[in-house]
């Protein structure tokens, strides 16, 4: 019986020594916020015709989750997450793809993106001259 108690105590101490550093790292981040294995990346994208998001009713809306893996209602979630990762979530850095030609027709389209990218709040609004120009900017992200 004494050996069993000694083994139980020894195993308990070993488990505490091994697991304590892991539990401390996962229990809280600076500021007291809980930490996770990955920072969340979840966005809502909307599109509507008009000049400003304040005066336009969204005609289409999709969700896009990139962490822990690409998902959501976005039709090309994996490609969109890949493009966002390349520009570190900065939608202003999305450029027009080479070889895309659009008409000069002015039919303004407003795109909004709100949510969280790698744990940081993200809010974006941009007016494009028409849908072709919108789709040419970051074809994976804004083509929905």
C-alpha atoms as a PDB file:
ATOM      1  CA  UNK A   1       0.000   0.000   0.000  1.00  0.00           C
ATOM      2  CA  UNK A   2       2.854   2.338   0.803  1.00  0.00           C
ATOM      3  CA  UNK A   3       4.364   1.793  -2.684  1.00  0.00           C
ATOM      4  CA  UNK A   4       1.045   2.561  -4.353  1.00  0.00           C
ATOM      5  CA  UNK A   5       0.722   5.834  -2.468  1.00  0.00           C
ATOM      6  CA  UNK A   6       4.317   6.722  -3.274  1.00  0.00           C
ATOM      7  CA  UNK A   7       3.809   5.992  -6.996  1.00  0.00           C
ATOM      8  CA  UNK A   8       0.591   8.003  -7.067  1.00  0.00           C
ATOM      9  CA  UNK A   9       2.322  10.956  -5.424  1.00  0.00           C
ATOM     10  CA  UNK A  10       5.304  10.700  -7.791  1.00  0.00           C
ATOM     11  CA  UNK A  11       3.077  10.525 -10.883  1.00  0.00           C
ATOM     12  CA  UNK A  12       1.002  13.436  -9.611  1.00  0.00           C
ATOM     13  CA  UNK A  13       4.096  15.593  -9.135  1.00  0.00           C
ATOM     14  CA  UNK A  14       5.480  14.658 -12.557  1.00  0.00           C
ATOM     15  CA  UNK A  15       2.158  15.487 -14.205  1.00  0.00           C
ATOM     16  CA  UNK A  16       2.008  18.818 -12.380  1.00  0.00           C
ATOM     17  CA  UNK A  17       5.585  19.666 -13.392  1.00  0.00           C
ATOM     18  CA  UNK A  18       4.949  18.823 -17.040  1.00  0.00           C
ATOM     19  CA  UNK A  19       1.472  20.355 -17.363  1.00  0.00           C
ATOM     20  CA  UNK A  20       1.874  23.520 -15.261  1.00  0.00           C
ATOM     21  CA  UNK A  21       3.851  25.474 -17.885  1.00  0.00           C
ATOM     22  CA  UNK A  22       1.358  24.479 -20.561  1.00  0.00           C
ATOM     23  CA  UNK A  23      -1.645  25.468 -18.460  1.00  0.00           C
ATOM     24  CA  UNK A  24      -0.110  28.820 -17.545  1.00  0.00           C
ATOM     25  CA  UNK A  25       0.517  29.692 -21.190  1.00  0.00           C
ATOM     26  CA  UNK A  26      -3.027  28.834 -22.254  1.00  0.00           C
ATOM     27  CA  UNK A  27      -4.901  30.294 -19.314  1.00  0.00           C
ATOM     28  CA  UNK A  28      -4.572  33.998 -20.008  1.00  0.00           C
ATOM     29  CA  UNK A  29      -3.015  36.420 -22.423  1.00  0.00           C
ATOM     30  CA  UNK A  30      -1.839  39.927 -21.503  1.00  0.00           C
ATOM     31  CA  UNK A  31      -4.780  41.977 -20.285  1.00  0.00           C
ATOM     32  CA  UNK A  32      -6.556  38.948 -18.855  1.00  0.00           C
ATOM     33  CA  UNK A  33      -8.121  37.825 -22.143  1.00  0.00           C
ATOM     34  CA  UNK A  34      -8.235  34.077 -22.712  1.00  0.00           C
ATOM     35  CA  UNK A  35      -5.644  32.783 -25.149  1.00  0.00           C
ATOM     36  CA  UNK A  36      -6.263  30.227 -27.891  1.00  0.00           C
ATOM     37  CA  UNK A  37      -4.143  28.154 -30.196  1.00  0.00           C
ATOM     38  CA  UNK A  38      -4.996  30.496 -33.075  1.00  0.00           C
ATOM     39  CA  UNK A  39      -6.284  34.038 -33.373  1.00  0.00           C
ATOM     40  CA  UNK A  40      -9.794  34.155 -34.840  1.00  0.00           C
ATOM     41  CA  UNK A  41     -10.341  35.351 -38.399  1.00  0.00           C
ATOM     42  CA  UNK A  42     -14.025  35.717 -39.260  1.00  0.00           C
ATOM     43  CA  UNK A  43     -15.487  38.334 -41.611  1.00  0.00           C
ATOM     44  CA  UNK A  44     -18.817  39.420 -43.068  1.00  0.00           C
ATOM     45  CA  UNK A  45     -18.629  40.850 -46.602  1.00  0.00           C
ATOM     46  CA  UNK A  46     -21.478  42.807 -48.194  1.00  0.00           C
ATOM     47  CA  UNK A  47     -22.035  44.365 -51.626  1.00  0.00           C
ATOM     48  CA  UNK A  48     -24.632  46.812 -52.881  1.00  0.00           C
ATOM     49  CA  UNK A  49     -25.095  49.292 -55.718  1.00  0.00           C
ATOM     50  CA  UNK A  50     -24.632  52.936 -54.786  1.00  0.00           C
ATOM     51  CA  UNK A  51     -22.044  55.436 -53.617  1.00  0.00           C
ATOM     52  CA  UNK A  52     -21.896  54.878 -49.839  1.00  0.00           C
ATOM     53  CA  UNK A  53     -22.634  52.090 -47.387  1.00  0.00           C
ATOM     54  CA  UNK A  54     -24.739  54.513 -45.338  1.00  0.00           C
ATOM     55  CA  UNK A  55     -27.219  54.940 -48.206  1.00  0.00           C
ATOM     56  CA  UNK A  56     -27.053  51.478 -49.818  1.00  0.00           C
ATOM     57  CA  UNK A  57     -28.959  48.371 -48.844  1.00  0.00           C
ATOM     58  CA  UNK A  58     -26.699  45.344 -49.227  1.00  0.00           C
ATOM     59  CA  UNK A  59     -27.737  43.113 -52.113  1.00  0.00           C
ATOM     60  CA  UNK A  60     -25.367  40.257 -51.265  1.00  0.00           C
ATOM     61  CA  UNK A  61     -23.662  39.172 -48.081  1.00  0.00           C
ATOM     62  CA  UNK A  62     -21.316  36.289 -47.301  1.00  0.00           C
ATOM     63  CA  UNK A  63     -19.374  35.053 -44.316  1.00  0.00           C
ATOM     64  CA  UNK A  64     -15.716  34.086 -44.428  1.00  0.00           C
ATOM     65  CA  UNK A  65     -13.827  32.279 -41.689  1.00  0.00           C
ATOM     66  CA  UNK A  66     -10.095  31.702 -42.202  1.00  0.00           C
ATOM     67  CA  UNK A  67      -8.966  30.298 -38.845  1.00  0.00           C
ATOM     68  CA  UNK A  68      -8.740  27.498 -37.961  1.00  0.00           C
ATOM     69  CA  UNK A  69      -9.551  26.686 -41.610  1.00  0.00           C
ATOM     70  CA  UNK A  70     -11.324  28.295 -44.582  1.00  0.00           C
ATOM     71  CA  UNK A  71     -15.101  28.084 -44.335  1.00  0.00           C
ATOM     72  CA  UNK A  72     -18.264  30.156 -44.522  1.00  0.00           C
ATOM     73  CA  UNK A  73     -20.740  31.026 -47.253  1.00  0.00           C
ATOM     74  CA  UNK A  74     -18.086  32.705 -49.432  1.00  0.00           C
ATOM     75  CA  UNK A  75     -17.991  30.782 -52.756  1.00  0.00           C
ATOM     76  CA  UNK A  76     -14.158  30.660 -52.820  1.00  0.00           C
ATOM     77  CA  UNK A  77     -13.268  30.612 -49.120  1.00  0.00           C
ATOM     78  CA  UNK A  78      -9.840  28.961 -49.521  1.00  0.00           C
ATOM     79  CA  UNK A  79      -8.713  31.360 -52.265  1.00  0.00           C
ATOM     80  CA  UNK A  80     -10.062  34.362 -50.346  1.00  0.00           C
ATOM     81  CA  UNK A  81      -8.256  33.333 -47.157  1.00  0.00           C
ATOM     82  CA  UNK A  82      -5.066  32.832 -49.147  1.00  0.00           C
ATOM     83  CA  UNK A  83      -5.266  36.317 -50.639  1.00  0.00           C
ATOM     84  CA  UNK A  84      -6.010  37.870 -47.265  1.00  0.00           C
ATOM     85  CA  UNK A  85      -3.034  36.057 -45.734  1.00  0.00           C
ATOM     86  CA  UNK A  86      -0.763  37.431 -48.493  1.00  0.00           C
ATOM     87  CA  UNK A  87      -1.721  41.031 -47.607  1.00  0.00           C
ATOM     88  CA  UNK A  88      -2.021  40.315 -43.851  1.00  0.00           C
ATOM     89  CA  UNK A  89      -5.703  41.271 -43.849  1.00  0.00           C
ATOM     90  CA  UNK A  90      -5.117  44.728 -45.407  1.00  0.00           C
ATOM     91  CA  UNK A  91      -7.848  44.873 -48.045  1.00  0.00           C
ATOM     92  CA  UNK A  92      -6.470  48.191 -49.343  1.00  0.00           C
ATOM     93  CA  UNK A  93      -3.417  46.246 -50.531  1.00  0.00           C
ATOM     94  CA  UNK A  94      -5.469  44.126 -52.949  1.00  0.00           C
ATOM     95  CA  UNK A  95      -4.516  45.204 -56.462  1.00  0.00           C
ATOM     96  CA  UNK A  96      -6.068  44.781 -59.883  1.00  0.00           C
ATOM     97  CA  UNK A  97      -5.131  41.512 -61.519  1.00  0.00           C
ATOM     98  CA  UNK A  98      -3.079  41.681 -64.719  1.00  0.00           C
ATOM     99  CA  UNK A  99      -4.984  41.141 -67.938  1.00  0.00           C
ATOM    100  CA  UNK A 100      -8.398  42.209 -66.616  1.00  0.00           C
ATOM    101  CA  UNK A 101     -10.164  44.819 -68.720  1.00  0.00           C
ATOM    102  CA  UNK A 102     -13.365  46.554 -67.589  1.00  0.00           C
ATOM    103  CA  UNK A 103     -15.645  49.049 -69.280  1.00  0.00           C
ATOM    104  CA  UNK A 104     -15.673  52.654 -68.131  1.00  0.00           C
ATOM    105  CA  UNK A 105     -19.381  52.426 -67.301  1.00  0.00           C
ATOM    106  CA  UNK A 106     -20.125  54.137 -63.994  1.00  0.00           C
ATOM    107  CA  UNK A 107     -22.451  51.949 -61.931  1.00  0.00           C
ATOM    108  CA  UNK A 108     -20.986  52.297 -58.414  1.00  0.00           C
ATOM    109  CA  UNK A 109     -20.733  49.282 -56.139  1.00  0.00           C
ATOM    110  CA  UNK A 110     -20.022  49.533 -52.414  1.00  0.00           C
ATOM    111  CA  UNK A 111     -18.226  46.722 -50.606  1.00  0.00           C
ATOM    112  CA  UNK A 112     -17.996  46.476 -46.829  1.00  0.00           C
ATOM    113  CA  UNK A 113     -15.995  44.006 -44.783  1.00  0.00           C
ATOM    114  CA  UNK A 114     -16.416  43.804 -41.014  1.00  0.00           C
ATOM    115  CA  UNK A 115     -15.127  41.316 -38.492  1.00  0.00           C
ATOM    116  CA  UNK A 116     -11.902  40.074 -36.975  1.00  0.00           C
ATOM    117  CA  UNK A 117      -8.650  39.254 -38.755  1.00  0.00           C
ATOM    118  CA  UNK A 118      -6.090  37.335 -36.673  1.00  0.00           C
ATOM    119  CA  UNK A 119      -7.630  38.652 -33.475  1.00  0.00           C
ATOM    120  CA  UNK A 120      -7.741  42.325 -34.580  1.00  0.00           C
ATOM    121  CA  UNK A 121     -10.926  44.248 -35.435  1.00  0.00           C
ATOM    122  CA  UNK A 122     -11.268  44.920 -39.166  1.00  0.00           C
ATOM    123  CA  UNK A 123     -13.619  47.369 -40.853  1.00  0.00           C
ATOM    124  CA  UNK A 124     -13.358  48.235 -44.549  1.00  0.00           C
ATOM    125  CA  UNK A 125     -15.535  50.114 -47.026  1.00  0.00           C
ATOM    126  CA  UNK A 126     -14.770  50.885 -50.645  1.00  0.00           C
ATOM    127  CA  UNK A 127     -16.728  52.137 -53.621  1.00  0.00           C
ATOM    128  CA  UNK A 128     -15.780  50.713 -57.016  1.00  0.00           C
ATOM    129  CA  UNK A 129     -16.825  52.160 -60.399  1.00  0.00           C
ATOM    130  CA  UNK A 130     -18.658  48.941 -61.321  1.00  0.00           C
ATOM    131  CA  UNK A 131     -18.796  45.209 -60.489  1.00  0.00           C
ATOM    132  CA  UNK A 132     -16.097  44.334 -63.000  1.00  0.00           C
ATOM    133  CA  UNK A 133     -13.629  46.660 -61.281  1.00  0.00           C
ATOM    134  CA  UNK A 134     -14.663  45.232 -57.887  1.00  0.00           C
ATOM    135  CA  UNK A 135     -14.093  41.642 -59.063  1.00  0.00           C
ATOM    136  CA  UNK A 136     -10.707  42.581 -60.574  1.00  0.00           C
ATOM    137  CA  UNK A 137      -9.429  43.653 -57.128  1.00  0.00           C
ATOM    138  CA  UNK A 138      -8.514  40.520 -55.256  1.00  0.00           C
ATOM    139  CA  UNK A 139     -10.611  38.151 -57.334  1.00  0.00           C
ATOM    140  CA  UNK A 140     -10.736  35.538 -54.556  1.00  0.00           C
ATOM    141  CA  UNK A 141     -11.826  37.891 -51.778  1.00  0.00           C
ATOM    142  CA  UNK A 142     -14.302  40.217 -53.454  1.00  0.00           C
ATOM    143  CA  UNK A 143     -15.829  37.829 -56.001  1.00  0.00           C
ATOM    144  CA  UNK A 144     -18.982  36.746 -54.212  1.00  0.00           C
END
